[in-house]
Amino acid sequence: GVGPFEMMMFGVIALLLFGKRLPE
């Protein structure tokens, strides 16, 4: 399954890919 560490990694990758456009 997906634990807290994996969720944090997905968040970091999403932040790196989308940056300021992440809320949009």
PDB file of all heavy atoms in Angstrom:
ATOM      1  N   GLY A   1       0.814  -1.206   0.000  1.00  0.00           N
ATOM      2  CA  GLY A   1       0.000   0.000   0.000  1.00  0.00           C
ATOM      3  C   GLY A   1       0.848   1.256   0.000  1.00  0.00           C
ATOM      4  O   GLY A   1       2.029   1.252  -0.335  1.00  0.00           O
ATOM      5  N   VAL A   2       0.238   2.376   0.379  1.00  0.00           N
ATOM      6  CA  VAL A   2       0.917   3.675   0.381  1.00  0.00           C
ATOM      7  C   VAL A   2       0.986   4.173   1.809  1.00  0.00           C
ATOM      8  O   VAL A   2      -0.032   4.394   2.454  1.00  0.00           O
ATOM      9  CB  VAL A   2       0.158   4.676  -0.509  1.00  0.00           C
ATOM     10  CG1 VAL A   2       0.859   6.025  -0.505  1.00  0.00           C
ATOM     11  CG2 VAL A   2       0.053   4.158  -1.927  1.00  0.00           C
ATOM     12  N   GLY A   3       2.190   4.358   2.298  1.00  0.00           N
ATOM     13  CA  GLY A   3       2.403   4.855   3.652  1.00  0.00           C
ATOM     14  C   GLY A   3       2.709   6.346   3.636  1.00  0.00           C
ATOM     15  O   GLY A   3       2.719   7.004   2.598  1.00  0.00           O
ATOM     16  N   PRO A   4       3.009   6.910   4.811  1.00  0.00           N
ATOM     17  CA  PRO A   4       3.290   8.346   4.893  1.00  0.00           C
ATOM     18  C   PRO A   4       4.550   8.745   4.121  1.00  0.00           C
ATOM     19  O   PRO A   4       4.604   9.829   3.519  1.00  0.00           O
ATOM     20  CB  PRO A   4       3.456   8.617   6.385  1.00  0.00           C
ATOM     21  CG  PRO A   4       3.379   7.313   7.086  1.00  0.00           C
ATOM     22  CD  PRO A   4       2.979   6.274   6.101  1.00  0.00           C
ATOM     23  N   PHE A   5       5.566   7.898   4.126  1.00  0.00           N
ATOM     24  CA  PHE A   5       6.787   8.233   3.396  1.00  0.00           C
ATOM     25  C   PHE A   5       6.513   8.324   1.893  1.00  0.00           C
ATOM     26  O   PHE A   5       6.998   9.245   1.223  1.00  0.00           O
ATOM     27  CB  PHE A   5       7.874   7.186   3.685  1.00  0.00           C
ATOM     28  CG  PHE A   5       9.162   7.464   2.959  1.00  0.00           C
ATOM     29  CD1 PHE A   5       9.982   8.519   3.353  1.00  0.00           C
ATOM     30  CD2 PHE A   5       9.540   6.694   1.872  1.00  0.00           C
ATOM     31  CE1 PHE A   5      11.163   8.788   2.683  1.00  0.00           C
ATOM     32  CE2 PHE A   5      10.708   6.961   1.188  1.00  0.00           C
ATOM     33  CZ  PHE A   5      11.524   8.004   1.598  1.00  0.00           C
ATOM     34  N   GLU A   6       5.748   7.372   1.360  1.00  0.00           N
ATOM     35  CA  GLU A   6       5.436   7.388  -0.068  1.00  0.00           C
ATOM     36  C   GLU A   6       4.612   8.613  -0.431  1.00  0.00           C
ATOM     37  O   GLU A   6       4.817   9.245  -1.481  1.00  0.00           O
ATOM     38  CB  GLU A   6       4.681   6.110  -0.474  1.00  0.00           C
ATOM     39  CG  GLU A   6       5.540   4.863  -0.511  1.00  0.00           C
ATOM     40  CD  GLU A   6       5.615   4.168   0.839  1.00  0.00           C
ATOM     41  OE1 GLU A   6       4.982   4.649   1.799  1.00  0.00           O
ATOM     42  OE2 GLU A   6       6.316   3.151   0.927  1.00  0.00           O
ATOM     43  N   MET A   7       3.656   8.975   0.435  1.00  0.00           N
ATOM     44  CA  MET A   7       2.835  10.161   0.174  1.00  0.00           C
ATOM     45  C   MET A   7       3.700  11.418   0.151  1.00  0.00           C
ATOM     46  O   MET A   7       3.509  12.301  -0.684  1.00  0.00           O
ATOM     47  CB  MET A   7       1.742  10.295   1.250  1.00  0.00           C
ATOM     48  CG  MET A   7       0.689   9.212   1.160  1.00  0.00           C
ATOM     49  SD  MET A   7      -0.239   9.279  -0.369  1.00  0.00           S
ATOM     50  CE  MET A   7      -1.333  10.608  -0.004  1.00  0.00           C
ATOM     51  N   MET A   8       4.682  11.501   1.056  1.00  0.00           N
ATOM     52  CA  MET A   8       5.579  12.650   1.087  1.00  0.00           C
ATOM     53  C   MET A   8       6.410  12.706  -0.198  1.00  0.00           C
ATOM     54  O   MET A   8       6.628  13.779  -0.760  1.00  0.00           O
ATOM     55  CB  MET A   8       6.483  12.573   2.325  1.00  0.00           C
ATOM     56  CG  MET A   8       6.831  13.916   2.874  1.00  0.00           C
ATOM     57  SD  MET A   8       7.616  13.923   4.506  1.00  0.00           S
ATOM     58  CE  MET A   8       8.320  12.346   4.759  1.00  0.00           C
ATOM     59  N   MET A   9       6.867  11.545  -0.667  1.00  0.00           N
ATOM     60  CA  MET A   9       7.665  11.511  -1.902  1.00  0.00           C
ATOM     61  C   MET A   9       6.832  11.961  -3.102  1.00  0.00           C
ATOM     62  O   MET A   9       7.308  12.699  -3.957  1.00  0.00           O
ATOM     63  CB  MET A   9       8.205  10.091  -2.146  1.00  0.00           C
ATOM     64  CG  MET A   9       9.299   9.690  -1.175  1.00  0.00           C
ATOM     65  SD  MET A   9      10.718  10.801  -1.214  1.00  0.00           S
ATOM     66  CE  MET A   9      11.319  10.490  -2.849  1.00  0.00           C
ATOM     67  N   PHE A  10       5.561  11.499  -3.159  1.00  0.00           N
ATOM     68  CA  PHE A  10       4.690  11.949  -4.249  1.00  0.00           C
ATOM     69  C   PHE A  10       4.485  13.463  -4.188  1.00  0.00           C
ATOM     70  O   PHE A  10       4.467  14.141  -5.214  1.00  0.00           O
ATOM     71  CB  PHE A  10       3.323  11.246  -4.187  1.00  0.00           C
ATOM     72  CG  PHE A  10       3.366   9.821  -4.648  1.00  0.00           C
ATOM     73  CD1 PHE A  10       2.844   8.811  -3.851  1.00  0.00           C
ATOM     74  CD2 PHE A  10       3.903   9.474  -5.877  1.00  0.00           C
ATOM     75  CE1 PHE A  10       2.868   7.494  -4.274  1.00  0.00           C
ATOM     76  CE2 PHE A  10       3.941   8.160  -6.306  1.00  0.00           C
ATOM     77  CZ  PHE A  10       3.423   7.170  -5.504  1.00  0.00           C
ATOM     78  N   GLY A  11       4.343  13.998  -3.001  1.00  0.00           N
ATOM     79  CA  GLY A  11       4.179  15.444  -2.845  1.00  0.00           C
ATOM     80  C   GLY A  11       5.403  16.203  -3.320  1.00  0.00           C
ATOM     81  O   GLY A  11       5.290  17.229  -4.002  1.00  0.00           O
ATOM     82  N   VAL A  12       6.592  15.736  -2.966  1.00  0.00           N
ATOM     83  CA  VAL A  12       7.835  16.400  -3.391  1.00  0.00           C
ATOM     84  C   VAL A  12       7.975  16.338  -4.915  1.00  0.00           C
ATOM     85  O   VAL A  12       8.328  17.329  -5.566  1.00  0.00           O
ATOM     86  CB  VAL A  12       9.050  15.762  -2.684  1.00  0.00           C
ATOM     87  CG1 VAL A  12      10.356  16.231  -3.298  1.00  0.00           C
ATOM     88  CG2 VAL A  12       9.016  16.068  -1.196  1.00  0.00           C
ATOM     89  N   ILE A  13       7.680  15.173  -5.497  1.00  0.00           N
ATOM     90  CA  ILE A  13       7.782  15.034  -6.958  1.00  0.00           C
ATOM     91  C   ILE A  13       6.778  15.949  -7.635  1.00  0.00           C
ATOM     92  O   ILE A  13       7.107  16.629  -8.628  1.00  0.00           O
ATOM     93  CB  ILE A  13       7.564  13.560  -7.368  1.00  0.00           C
ATOM     94  CG1 ILE A  13       8.745  12.724  -6.895  1.00  0.00           C
ATOM     95  CG2 ILE A  13       7.388  13.437  -8.871  1.00  0.00           C
ATOM     96  CD1 ILE A  13       8.553  11.230  -7.059  1.00  0.00           C
ATOM     97  N   ALA A  14       5.542  16.027  -7.114  1.00  0.00           N
ATOM     98  CA  ALA A  14       4.533  16.909  -7.694  1.00  0.00           C
ATOM     99  C   ALA A  14       4.971  18.366  -7.581  1.00  0.00           C
ATOM    100  O   ALA A  14       4.804  19.156  -8.521  1.00  0.00           O
ATOM    101  CB  ALA A  14       3.190  16.697  -6.997  1.00  0.00           C
ATOM    102  N   LEU A  15       5.559  18.760  -6.457  1.00  0.00           N
ATOM    103  CA  LEU A  15       6.035  20.131  -6.272  1.00  0.00           C
ATOM    104  C   LEU A  15       7.148  20.459  -7.250  1.00  0.00           C
ATOM    105  O   LEU A  15       7.183  21.544  -7.832  1.00  0.00           O
ATOM    106  CB  LEU A  15       6.502  20.328  -4.828  1.00  0.00           C
ATOM    107  CG  LEU A  15       6.885  21.738  -4.415  1.00  0.00           C
ATOM    108  CD1 LEU A  15       5.679  22.660  -4.558  1.00  0.00           C
ATOM    109  CD2 LEU A  15       7.380  21.744  -2.983  1.00  0.00           C
ATOM    110  N   LEU A  16       8.051  19.499  -7.473  1.00  0.00           N
ATOM    111  CA  LEU A  16       9.142  19.730  -8.426  1.00  0.00           C
ATOM    112  C   LEU A  16       8.623  19.834  -9.860  1.00  0.00           C
ATOM    113  O   LEU A  16       9.105  20.646 -10.652  1.00  0.00           O
ATOM    114  CB  LEU A  16      10.174  18.613  -8.327  1.00  0.00           C
ATOM    115  CG  LEU A  16      11.034  18.588  -7.063  1.00  0.00           C
ATOM    116  CD1 LEU A  16      11.900  17.340  -7.048  1.00  0.00           C
ATOM    117  CD2 LEU A  16      11.905  19.841  -6.996  1.00  0.00           C
ATOM    118  N   LEU A  17       7.645  19.008 -10.204  1.00  0.00           N
ATOM    119  CA  LEU A  17       7.140  19.023 -11.581  1.00  0.00           C
ATOM    120  C   LEU A  17       6.275  20.230 -11.880  1.00  0.00           C
ATOM    121  O   LEU A  17       6.398  20.847 -12.939  1.00  0.00           O
ATOM    122  CB  LEU A  17       6.339  17.740 -11.859  1.00  0.00           C
ATOM    123  CG  LEU A  17       7.139  16.444 -11.986  1.00  0.00           C
ATOM    124  CD1 LEU A  17       6.190  15.270 -12.162  1.00  0.00           C
ATOM    125  CD2 LEU A  17       8.085  16.518 -13.166  1.00  0.00           C
ATOM    126  N   PHE A  18       5.372  20.581 -10.945  1.00  0.00           N
ATOM    127  CA  PHE A  18       4.391  21.613 -11.247  1.00  0.00           C
ATOM    128  C   PHE A  18       4.689  22.957 -10.591  1.00  0.00           C
ATOM    129  O   PHE A  18       4.197  23.980 -11.048  1.00  0.00           O
ATOM    130  CB  PHE A  18       2.991  21.130 -10.840  1.00  0.00           C
ATOM    131  CG  PHE A  18       2.568  19.896 -11.587  1.00  0.00           C
ATOM    132  CD1 PHE A  18       2.490  18.681 -10.954  1.00  0.00           C
ATOM    133  CD2 PHE A  18       2.268  19.961 -12.935  1.00  0.00           C
ATOM    134  CE1 PHE A  18       2.107  17.545 -11.629  1.00  0.00           C
ATOM    135  CE2 PHE A  18       1.880  18.833 -13.629  1.00  0.00           C
ATOM    136  CZ  PHE A  18       1.800  17.617 -12.981  1.00  0.00           C
ATOM    137  N   GLY A  19       5.455  22.986  -9.535  1.00  0.00           N
ATOM    138  CA  GLY A  19       5.871  24.244  -8.900  1.00  0.00           C
ATOM    139  C   GLY A  19       4.704  25.118  -8.495  1.00  0.00           C
ATOM    140  O   GLY A  19       3.825  24.709  -7.754  1.00  0.00           O
ATOM    141  N   LYS A  20       4.674  26.349  -9.023  1.00  0.00           N
ATOM    142  CA  LYS A  20       3.650  27.322  -8.643  1.00  0.00           C
ATOM    143  C   LYS A  20       2.274  26.968  -9.204  1.00  0.00           C
ATOM    144  O   LYS A  20       1.273  27.476  -8.721  1.00  0.00           O
ATOM    145  CB  LYS A  20       4.053  28.717  -9.117  1.00  0.00           C
ATOM    146  CG  LYS A  20       5.260  29.261  -8.404  1.00  0.00           C
ATOM    147  CD  LYS A  20       5.588  30.638  -8.872  1.00  0.00           C
ATOM    148  CE  LYS A  20       6.816  31.153  -8.128  1.00  0.00           C
ATOM    149  NZ  LYS A  20       7.145  32.506  -8.508  1.00  0.00           N
ATOM    150  N   ARG A  21       2.250  26.121 -10.210  1.00  0.00           N
ATOM    151  CA  ARG A  21       0.968  25.751 -10.814  1.00  0.00           C
ATOM    152  C   ARG A  21       0.296  24.595 -10.079  1.00  0.00           C
ATOM    153  O   ARG A  21      -0.774  24.144 -10.476  1.00  0.00           O
ATOM    154  CB  ARG A  21       1.165  25.328 -12.263  1.00  0.00           C
ATOM    155  CG  ARG A  21       1.636  26.445 -13.152  1.00  0.00           C
ATOM    156  CD  ARG A  21       1.696  26.045 -14.583  1.00  0.00           C
ATOM    157  NE  ARG A  21       1.682  24.579 -14.756  1.00  0.00           N
ATOM    158  CZ  ARG A  21       1.863  23.965 -15.883  1.00  0.00           C
ATOM    159  NH1 ARG A  21       2.115  24.644 -16.960  1.00  0.00           N
ATOM    160  NH2 ARG A  21       1.830  22.654 -15.963  1.00  0.00           N
ATOM    161  N   LEU A  22       0.889  24.101  -8.995  1.00  0.00           N
ATOM    162  CA  LEU A  22       0.341  22.948  -8.281  1.00  0.00           C
ATOM    163  C   LEU A  22      -1.096  23.175  -7.807  1.00  0.00           C
ATOM    164  O   LEU A  22      -1.935  22.283  -7.993  1.00  0.00           O
ATOM    165  CB  LEU A  22       1.250  22.563  -7.109  1.00  0.00           C
ATOM    166  CG  LEU A  22       0.913  21.268  -6.396  1.00  0.00           C
ATOM    167  CD1 LEU A  22       0.971  20.103  -7.383  1.00  0.00           C
ATOM    168  CD2 LEU A  22       1.864  21.026  -5.252  1.00  0.00           C
ATOM    169  N   PRO A  23      -1.472  24.314  -7.228  1.00  0.00           N
ATOM    170  CA  PRO A  23      -2.884  24.513  -6.835  1.00  0.00           C
ATOM    171  C   PRO A  23      -3.834  24.469  -8.036  1.00  0.00           C
ATOM    172  O   PRO A  23      -4.917  23.906  -7.950  1.00  0.00           O
ATOM    173  CB  PRO A  23      -2.899  25.894  -6.185  1.00  0.00           C
ATOM    174  CG  PRO A  23      -1.504  26.136  -5.751  1.00  0.00           C
ATOM    175  CD  PRO A  23      -0.637  25.419  -6.738  1.00  0.00           C
ATOM    176  N   GLU A  24      -3.384  25.020  -9.152  1.00  0.00           N
ATOM    177  CA  GLU A  24      -4.219  25.002 -10.359  1.00  0.00           C
ATOM    178  C   GLU A  24      -4.397  23.574 -10.877  1.00  0.00           C
ATOM    179  O   GLU A  24      -5.500  23.175 -11.266  1.00  0.00           O
ATOM    180  CB  GLU A  24      -3.560  25.878 -11.423  1.00  0.00           C
ATOM    181  CG  GLU A  24      -4.332  25.986 -12.708  1.00  0.00           C
ATOM    182  CD  GLU A  24      -3.557  26.801 -13.729  1.00  0.00           C
ATOM    183  OE1 GLU A  24      -2.856  27.754 -13.352  1.00  0.00           O
ATOM    184  OE2 GLU A  24      -3.667  26.462 -14.921  1.00  0.00           O
TER     185      GLU A  24
END
